[in-house]
Amino acid sequence: MLRLNCFFQASEGKYAEALEAAIALTAASQQEEGNVAYDVFESATRPDVFMICETWKDEASLQKHGEAPHFAEYVGRLQSLGLLKLEKFEF
């Protein structure tokens, strides 16, 4: 399995819009084949930060996710609203 932690820091005034995009991305991604878990977590200490935590069955499932139209749409929107940092773990 693969775990991805995507940390997002919103540009000033863009947090609500970014969180909306992250929640839409999560809802669509949870329906994908090979998805084990996908959720958004808001920081308790930083009002401009949230994390998307996702778990995939295998690399093929993750690859397919990266090619999905909703992925391009919502990740593109997030990239325009702040900074993304990705951590990837295999277990």
C-alpha atoms as a PDB file:
ATOM      1  CA  MET A   1       0.000   0.000   0.000  1.00  0.00           C
ATOM      2  CA  LEU A   2       0.969   3.609  -0.512  1.00  0.00           C
ATOM      3  CA  ARG A   3       0.290   6.577   1.766  1.00  0.00           C
ATOM      4  CA  LEU A   4       0.467  10.165   0.584  1.00  0.00           C
ATOM      5  CA  ASN A   5       0.326  13.159   2.892  1.00  0.00           C
ATOM      6  CA  CYS A   6      -0.258  16.354   0.983  1.00  0.00           C
ATOM      7  CA  PHE A   7       0.229  19.452   3.110  1.00  0.00           C
ATOM      8  CA  PHE A   8      -1.429  22.618   1.849  1.00  0.00           C
ATOM      9  CA  GLN A   9      -0.781  26.200   2.948  1.00  0.00           C
ATOM     10  CA  ALA A  10      -3.331  28.657   1.588  1.00  0.00           C
ATOM     11  CA  SER A  11      -2.444  32.046   0.209  1.00  0.00           C
ATOM     12  CA  GLU A  12      -3.921  34.924   2.192  1.00  0.00           C
ATOM     13  CA  GLY A  13      -7.702  34.943   1.944  1.00  0.00           C
ATOM     14  CA  LYS A  14      -7.862  31.686  -0.053  1.00  0.00           C
ATOM     15  CA  TYR A  15      -8.320  29.086   2.699  1.00  0.00           C
ATOM     16  CA  ALA A  16     -12.096  28.592   2.373  1.00  0.00           C
ATOM     17  CA  GLU A  17     -11.928  28.235  -1.407  1.00  0.00           C
ATOM     18  CA  ALA A  18      -9.002  25.800  -1.130  1.00  0.00           C
ATOM     19  CA  LEU A  19     -10.739  23.693   1.505  1.00  0.00           C
ATOM     20  CA  GLU A  20     -13.827  23.492  -0.708  1.00  0.00           C
ATOM     21  CA  ALA A  21     -11.667  22.183  -3.580  1.00  0.00           C
ATOM     22  CA  ALA A  22      -9.949  19.682  -1.273  1.00  0.00           C
ATOM     23  CA  ILE A  23     -13.283  18.350  -0.032  1.00  0.00           C
ATOM     24  CA  ALA A  24     -14.545  17.963  -3.629  1.00  0.00           C
ATOM     25  CA  LEU A  25     -11.303  16.187  -4.580  1.00  0.00           C
ATOM     26  CA  THR A  26     -11.711  13.890  -1.590  1.00  0.00           C
ATOM     27  CA  ALA A  27     -15.319  12.992  -2.409  1.00  0.00           C
ATOM     28  CA  ALA A  28     -14.439  12.094  -6.004  1.00  0.00           C
ATOM     29  CA  SER A  29     -11.251  10.238  -5.086  1.00  0.00           C
ATOM     30  CA  GLN A  30     -12.956   8.082  -2.451  1.00  0.00           C
ATOM     31  CA  GLN A  31     -14.964   6.511  -5.286  1.00  0.00           C
ATOM     32  CA  GLU A  32     -11.905   5.386  -7.255  1.00  0.00           C
ATOM     33  CA  GLU A  33     -10.921   1.752  -7.559  1.00  0.00           C
ATOM     34  CA  GLY A  34      -7.894   1.005  -5.404  1.00  0.00           C
ATOM     35  CA  ASN A  35      -8.583   3.779  -2.913  1.00  0.00           C
ATOM     36  CA  VAL A  36      -8.277   2.550   0.672  1.00  0.00           C
ATOM     37  CA  ALA A  37      -8.692   5.900   2.466  1.00  0.00           C
ATOM     38  CA  TYR A  38      -8.833   9.583   1.511  1.00  0.00           C
ATOM     39  CA  ASP A  39      -9.596  12.469   3.869  1.00  0.00           C
ATOM     40  CA  VAL A  40      -8.857  16.106   4.681  1.00  0.00           C
ATOM     41  CA  PHE A  41      -7.578  17.208   8.095  1.00  0.00           C
ATOM     42  CA  GLU A  42      -7.475  20.826   9.251  1.00  0.00           C
ATOM     43  CA  SER A  43      -4.617  22.054  11.422  1.00  0.00           C
ATOM     44  CA  ALA A  44      -5.483  22.846  15.030  1.00  0.00           C
ATOM     45  CA  THR A  45      -2.572  25.283  15.301  1.00  0.00           C
ATOM     46  CA  ARG A  46      -2.354  26.993  11.888  1.00  0.00           C
ATOM     47  CA  PRO A  47      -5.463  28.589  10.377  1.00  0.00           C
ATOM     48  CA  ASP A  48      -4.025  28.526   6.841  1.00  0.00           C
ATOM     49  CA  VAL A  49      -3.010  24.828   6.706  1.00  0.00           C
ATOM     50  CA  PHE A  50      -4.739  21.528   6.034  1.00  0.00           C
ATOM     51  CA  MET A  51      -3.562  18.076   4.988  1.00  0.00           C
ATOM     52  CA  ILE A  52      -4.982  15.578   2.533  1.00  0.00           C
ATOM     53  CA  CYS A  53      -4.132  12.036   3.627  1.00  0.00           C
ATOM     54  CA  GLU A  54      -4.644   9.280   1.082  1.00  0.00           C
ATOM     55  CA  THR A  55      -3.964   5.552   0.998  1.00  0.00           C
ATOM     56  CA  TRP A  56      -3.872   3.499  -2.208  1.00  0.00           C
ATOM     57  CA  LYS A  57      -3.842  -0.253  -2.752  1.00  0.00           C
ATOM     58  CA  ASP A  58      -0.887  -0.103  -5.151  1.00  0.00           C
ATOM     59  CA  GLU A  59       1.130   2.074  -7.528  1.00  0.00           C
ATOM     60  CA  ALA A  60      -1.199   1.298 -10.458  1.00  0.00           C
ATOM     61  CA  SER A  61      -4.187   2.670  -8.532  1.00  0.00           C
ATOM     62  CA  LEU A  62      -2.261   5.799  -7.617  1.00  0.00           C
ATOM     63  CA  GLN A  63      -1.159   6.252 -11.220  1.00  0.00           C
ATOM     64  CA  LYS A  64      -4.765   6.020 -12.416  1.00  0.00           C
ATOM     65  CA  HIS A  65      -5.795   8.559  -9.769  1.00  0.00           C
ATOM     66  CA  GLY A  66      -3.202  11.013 -11.098  1.00  0.00           C
ATOM     67  CA  GLU A  67      -4.734  10.696 -14.570  1.00  0.00           C
ATOM     68  CA  ALA A  68      -8.349  11.260 -13.452  1.00  0.00           C
ATOM     69  CA  PRO A  69     -10.078  14.422 -14.740  1.00  0.00           C
ATOM     70  CA  HIS A  70     -11.203  15.425 -11.237  1.00  0.00           C
ATOM     71  CA  PHE A  71      -7.604  15.172 -10.027  1.00  0.00           C
ATOM     72  CA  ALA A  72      -6.390  17.618 -12.688  1.00  0.00           C
ATOM     73  CA  GLU A  73      -9.271  19.990 -11.997  1.00  0.00           C
ATOM     74  CA  TYR A  74      -9.030  20.154  -8.204  1.00  0.00           C
ATOM     75  CA  VAL A  75      -5.268  19.890  -7.842  1.00  0.00           C
ATOM     76  CA  GLY A  76      -4.918  22.632 -10.455  1.00  0.00           C
ATOM     77  CA  ARG A  77      -7.256  24.788  -8.417  1.00  0.00           C
ATOM     78  CA  LEU A  78      -5.330  24.064  -5.214  1.00  0.00           C
ATOM     79  CA  GLN A  79      -2.029  24.951  -6.879  1.00  0.00           C
ATOM     80  CA  SER A  80      -3.473  28.351  -7.794  1.00  0.00           C
ATOM     81  CA  LEU A  81      -4.600  28.986  -4.190  1.00  0.00           C
ATOM     82  CA  GLY A  82      -1.464  28.157  -2.197  1.00  0.00           C
ATOM     83  CA  LEU A  83       1.490  25.836  -1.737  1.00  0.00           C
ATOM     84  CA  LEU A  84       1.459  22.027  -1.790  1.00  0.00           C
ATOM     85  CA  LYS A  85       4.045  19.718  -0.233  1.00  0.00           C
ATOM     86  CA  LEU A  86       3.797  15.974  -0.829  1.00  0.00           C
ATOM     87  CA  GLU A  87       5.190  13.096   1.247  1.00  0.00           C
ATOM     88  CA  LYS A  88       4.939   9.533  -0.064  1.00  0.00           C
ATOM     89  CA  PHE A  89       5.378   6.335   1.949  1.00  0.00           C
ATOM     90  CA  GLU A  90       5.184   2.680   0.945  1.00  0.00           C
ATOM     91  CA  PHE A  91       4.142   0.047   3.476  1.00  0.00           C
END
